[in-house]
Amino acid sequence: MNKSQLVEAVALESNLSKIEARKAVDAMIHIIHQALEEGERVTLSGLGSFSVQYCAERMGRNPRTGAPVPIPARKSIKFRPLIEIE
């Protein structure tokens, strides 16, 4: 499912117009993005939780030459699902 399909599903499920549903989905994405930028954990009951994970600097290897290459530290988003699909 892509974003347009999600907007359409939200519109049908909640009796909103597609424009209102798109605004709601965009607002939710924006709020989650802001919270993660501030280092907060976001938990959506029945779906899962988003958190920011810190990856320390490490050494990697260039696949062509085999030379060691430093990989800089970074932050990434981690999603942990709370539901199981059978």
N, C-alpha and C. Protein backbone atom coordinates (compact mmCIF):
# COMPACT_ATOMS: atom_id res chain seq x y z
N MET A 1 0.85 -1.17 0.00
CA MET A 1 0.00 0.00 0.00
C MET A 1 0.89 1.23 0.00
N ASN A 2 0.61 2.14 -0.89
CA ASN A 2 1.36 3.39 -0.92
C ASN A 2 0.54 4.50 -0.25
N LYS A 3 1.07 5.71 -0.24
CA LYS A 3 0.42 6.81 0.48
C LYS A 3 -0.95 7.14 -0.10
N SER A 4 -1.09 7.15 -1.43
CA SER A 4 -2.40 7.48 -2.01
C SER A 4 -3.44 6.43 -1.65
N GLN A 5 -3.03 5.17 -1.63
CA GLN A 5 -3.97 4.11 -1.25
C GLN A 5 -4.34 4.24 0.22
N LEU A 6 -3.38 4.62 1.06
CA LEU A 6 -3.67 4.84 2.48
C LEU A 6 -4.65 5.99 2.65
N VAL A 7 -4.45 7.07 1.93
CA VAL A 7 -5.36 8.22 2.00
C VAL A 7 -6.76 7.79 1.58
N GLU A 8 -6.86 7.04 0.51
CA GLU A 8 -8.17 6.58 0.04
C GLU A 8 -8.84 5.68 1.08
N ALA A 9 -8.07 4.78 1.70
CA ALA A 9 -8.62 3.88 2.72
C ALA A 9 -9.08 4.66 3.95
N VAL A 10 -8.30 5.66 4.35
CA VAL A 10 -8.69 6.50 5.49
C VAL A 10 -9.97 7.26 5.16
N ALA A 11 -10.07 7.78 3.95
CA ALA A 11 -11.27 8.52 3.53
C ALA A 11 -12.50 7.61 3.58
N LEU A 12 -12.38 6.40 3.09
CA LEU A 12 -13.52 5.48 3.09
C LEU A 12 -13.90 5.05 4.50
N GLU A 13 -12.90 4.75 5.32
CA GLU A 13 -13.14 4.24 6.68
C GLU A 13 -13.73 5.31 7.60
N SER A 14 -13.36 6.56 7.40
CA SER A 14 -13.77 7.62 8.33
C SER A 14 -14.80 8.59 7.76
N ASN A 15 -15.30 8.31 6.57
CA ASN A 15 -16.27 9.19 5.91
C ASN A 15 -15.76 10.61 5.76
N LEU A 16 -14.49 10.75 5.41
CA LEU A 16 -13.90 12.05 5.12
C LEU A 16 -13.71 12.17 3.61
N SER A 17 -13.57 13.39 3.14
CA SER A 17 -13.22 13.56 1.73
C SER A 17 -11.75 13.18 1.57
N LYS A 18 -11.33 12.94 0.34
CA LYS A 18 -9.93 12.58 0.11
C LYS A 18 -8.99 13.72 0.51
N ILE A 19 -9.42 14.95 0.32
CA ILE A 19 -8.59 16.10 0.70
C ILE A 19 -8.40 16.14 2.21
N GLU A 20 -9.50 15.94 2.96
CA GLU A 20 -9.39 15.93 4.42
C GLU A 20 -8.56 14.75 4.91
N ALA A 21 -8.73 13.59 4.27
CA ALA A 21 -7.96 12.40 4.65
C ALA A 21 -6.48 12.62 4.37
N ARG A 22 -6.14 13.24 3.23
CA ARG A 22 -4.73 13.52 2.92
C ARG A 22 -4.14 14.47 3.95
N LYS A 23 -4.91 15.49 4.37
CA LYS A 23 -4.42 16.41 5.39
C LYS A 23 -4.17 15.67 6.70
N ALA A 24 -5.06 14.75 7.05
CA ALA A 24 -4.91 13.99 8.30
C ALA A 24 -3.67 13.09 8.24
N VAL A 25 -3.48 12.40 7.13
CA VAL A 25 -2.31 11.52 6.98
C VAL A 25 -1.02 12.34 6.97
N ASP A 26 -1.01 13.45 6.25
CA ASP A 26 0.17 14.32 6.22
C ASP A 26 0.49 14.87 7.61
N ALA A 27 -0.56 15.26 8.36
CA ALA A 27 -0.35 15.77 9.71
C ALA A 27 0.24 14.69 10.61
N MET A 28 -0.25 13.47 10.51
CA MET A 28 0.26 12.38 11.32
C MET A 28 1.73 12.11 11.01
N ILE A 29 2.07 12.09 9.74
CA ILE A 29 3.46 11.86 9.34
C ILE A 29 4.35 12.99 9.85
N HIS A 30 3.89 14.22 9.73
CA HIS A 30 4.66 15.38 10.19
C HIS A 30 4.89 15.32 11.71
N ILE A 31 3.87 14.99 12.47
CA ILE A 31 3.98 14.92 13.92
C ILE A 31 4.93 13.81 14.34
N ILE A 32 4.84 12.65 13.71
CA ILE A 32 5.75 11.54 14.02
C ILE A 32 7.19 11.95 13.68
N HIS A 33 7.38 12.60 12.55
CA HIS A 33 8.71 13.05 12.13
C HIS A 33 9.30 14.02 13.14
N GLN A 34 8.51 14.99 13.59
CA GLN A 34 8.98 15.96 14.58
C GLN A 34 9.36 15.27 15.89
N ALA A 35 8.52 14.36 16.35
CA ALA A 35 8.80 13.66 17.61
C ALA A 35 10.09 12.86 17.52
N LEU A 36 10.31 12.19 16.40
CA LEU A 36 11.53 11.41 16.23
C LEU A 36 12.76 12.30 16.15
N GLU A 37 12.64 13.47 15.52
CA GLU A 37 13.76 14.41 15.47
C GLU A 37 14.15 14.89 16.86
N GLU A 38 13.17 14.97 17.76
CA GLU A 38 13.44 15.40 19.13
C GLU A 38 13.89 14.24 20.01
N GLY A 39 14.01 13.04 19.43
CA GLY A 39 14.50 11.88 20.17
C GLY A 39 13.42 11.14 20.94
N GLU A 40 12.16 11.49 20.73
CA GLU A 40 11.06 10.83 21.43
C GLU A 40 10.74 9.49 20.77
N ARG A 41 10.13 8.62 21.54
CA ARG A 41 9.63 7.35 21.02
C ARG A 41 8.14 7.54 20.73
N VAL A 42 7.67 7.03 19.61
CA VAL A 42 6.27 7.16 19.21
C VAL A 42 5.66 5.76 19.19
N THR A 43 4.63 5.55 20.01
CA THR A 43 3.96 4.25 20.07
C THR A 43 2.53 4.41 19.59
N LEU A 44 2.15 3.61 18.61
CA LEU A 44 0.78 3.59 18.09
C LEU A 44 0.16 2.26 18.52
N SER A 45 -0.78 2.31 19.45
CA SER A 45 -1.41 1.10 19.97
C SER A 45 -1.98 0.26 18.84
N GLY A 46 -1.71 -1.01 18.88
CA GLY A 46 -2.22 -1.91 17.86
C GLY A 46 -1.40 -1.96 16.60
N LEU A 47 -0.36 -1.12 16.48
CA LEU A 47 0.46 -1.11 15.28
C LEU A 47 1.92 -1.38 15.61
N GLY A 48 2.53 -0.48 16.37
CA GLY A 48 3.94 -0.64 16.72
C GLY A 48 4.52 0.65 17.25
N SER A 49 5.85 0.65 17.41
CA SER A 49 6.50 1.85 17.93
C SER A 49 7.69 2.22 17.07
N PHE A 50 7.89 3.52 16.95
CA PHE A 50 9.03 4.08 16.23
C PHE A 50 9.99 4.65 17.26
N SER A 51 11.28 4.44 17.06
CA SER A 51 12.27 5.04 17.94
C SER A 51 13.52 5.37 17.13
N VAL A 52 14.36 6.22 17.69
CA VAL A 52 15.60 6.61 17.04
C VAL A 52 16.71 5.75 17.61
N GLN A 53 17.48 5.16 16.73
CA GLN A 53 18.59 4.30 17.15
C GLN A 53 19.90 4.94 16.70
N TYR A 54 20.88 4.99 17.61
CA TYR A 54 22.18 5.56 17.29
C TYR A 54 23.11 4.44 16.84
N CYS A 55 23.74 4.61 15.70
CA CYS A 55 24.71 3.65 15.18
C CYS A 55 26.09 4.30 15.29
N ALA A 56 26.97 3.70 16.05
CA ALA A 56 28.31 4.25 16.27
C ALA A 56 29.15 4.16 15.00
N GLU A 57 30.21 4.95 14.97
CA GLU A 57 31.15 4.90 13.84
C GLU A 57 31.82 3.53 13.84
N ARG A 58 32.07 3.00 12.63
CA ARG A 58 32.72 1.69 12.53
C ARG A 58 33.55 1.64 11.26
N MET A 59 34.33 0.62 11.16
CA MET A 59 35.17 0.43 9.97
C MET A 59 34.50 -0.58 9.04
N GLY A 60 34.50 -0.24 7.76
CA GLY A 60 33.98 -1.14 6.75
C GLY A 60 35.08 -1.40 5.73
N ARG A 61 34.75 -2.09 4.67
CA ARG A 61 35.73 -2.37 3.62
C ARG A 61 35.15 -2.00 2.27
N ASN A 62 35.99 -1.40 1.43
CA ASN A 62 35.61 -1.11 0.06
C ASN A 62 35.55 -2.45 -0.66
N PRO A 63 34.41 -2.83 -1.25
CA PRO A 63 34.30 -4.13 -1.89
C PRO A 63 35.22 -4.31 -3.10
N ARG A 64 35.57 -3.23 -3.78
CA ARG A 64 36.45 -3.35 -4.94
C ARG A 64 37.90 -3.55 -4.55
N THR A 65 38.36 -2.70 -3.62
CA THR A 65 39.79 -2.71 -3.30
C THR A 65 40.12 -3.46 -2.02
N GLY A 66 39.13 -3.65 -1.16
CA GLY A 66 39.38 -4.30 0.12
C GLY A 66 39.97 -3.35 1.14
N ALA A 67 40.16 -2.09 0.79
CA ALA A 67 40.74 -1.11 1.70
C ALA A 67 39.75 -0.76 2.82
N PRO A 68 40.24 -0.57 4.04
CA PRO A 68 39.35 -0.17 5.13
C PRO A 68 38.80 1.24 4.90
N VAL A 69 37.53 1.42 5.19
CA VAL A 69 36.85 2.69 5.00
C VAL A 69 36.06 3.01 6.27
N PRO A 70 36.24 4.21 6.84
CA PRO A 70 35.44 4.54 8.03
C PRO A 70 33.99 4.85 7.63
N ILE A 71 33.05 4.26 8.37
CA ILE A 71 31.63 4.53 8.17
C ILE A 71 31.22 5.45 9.31
N PRO A 72 30.76 6.66 9.01
CA PRO A 72 30.47 7.64 10.06
C PRO A 72 29.28 7.22 10.94
N ALA A 73 29.24 7.76 12.15
CA ALA A 73 28.11 7.53 13.05
C ALA A 73 26.86 8.16 12.45
N ARG A 74 25.72 7.58 12.76
CA ARG A 74 24.47 8.11 12.23
C ARG A 74 23.32 7.69 13.13
N LYS A 75 22.19 8.31 12.90
CA LYS A 75 20.96 7.94 13.59
C LYS A 75 20.03 7.31 12.56
N SER A 76 19.29 6.30 12.97
CA SER A 76 18.32 5.69 12.07
C SER A 76 17.02 5.45 12.83
N ILE A 77 15.96 5.29 12.09
CA ILE A 77 14.66 5.04 12.69
C ILE A 77 14.43 3.54 12.75
N LYS A 78 13.98 3.09 13.92
CA LYS A 78 13.71 1.67 14.13
C LYS A 78 12.20 1.52 14.35
N PHE A 79 11.59 0.55 13.69
CA PHE A 79 10.16 0.28 13.89
C PHE A 79 10.03 -1.11 14.49
N ARG A 80 9.27 -1.19 15.55
CA ARG A 80 9.02 -2.48 16.20
C ARG A 80 7.52 -2.77 16.14
N PRO A 81 7.11 -3.76 15.38
CA PRO A 81 5.68 -4.05 15.27
C PRO A 81 5.12 -4.65 16.54
N LEU A 82 3.86 -4.33 16.85
CA LEU A 82 3.18 -4.88 18.01
C LEU A 82 2.14 -5.91 17.62
N ILE A 83 1.90 -6.05 16.33
CA ILE A 83 0.89 -7.00 15.87
C ILE A 83 1.57 -8.13 15.11
N GLU A 84 0.93 -9.26 15.11
CA GLU A 84 1.43 -10.40 14.34
C GLU A 84 0.45 -10.70 13.22
N ILE A 85 0.99 -11.01 12.06
CA ILE A 85 0.15 -11.36 10.92
C ILE A 85 0.23 -12.86 10.73
N GLU A 86 -0.92 -13.47 10.65
CA GLU A 86 -0.95 -14.93 10.50
C GLU A 86 -1.01 -15.33 9.06
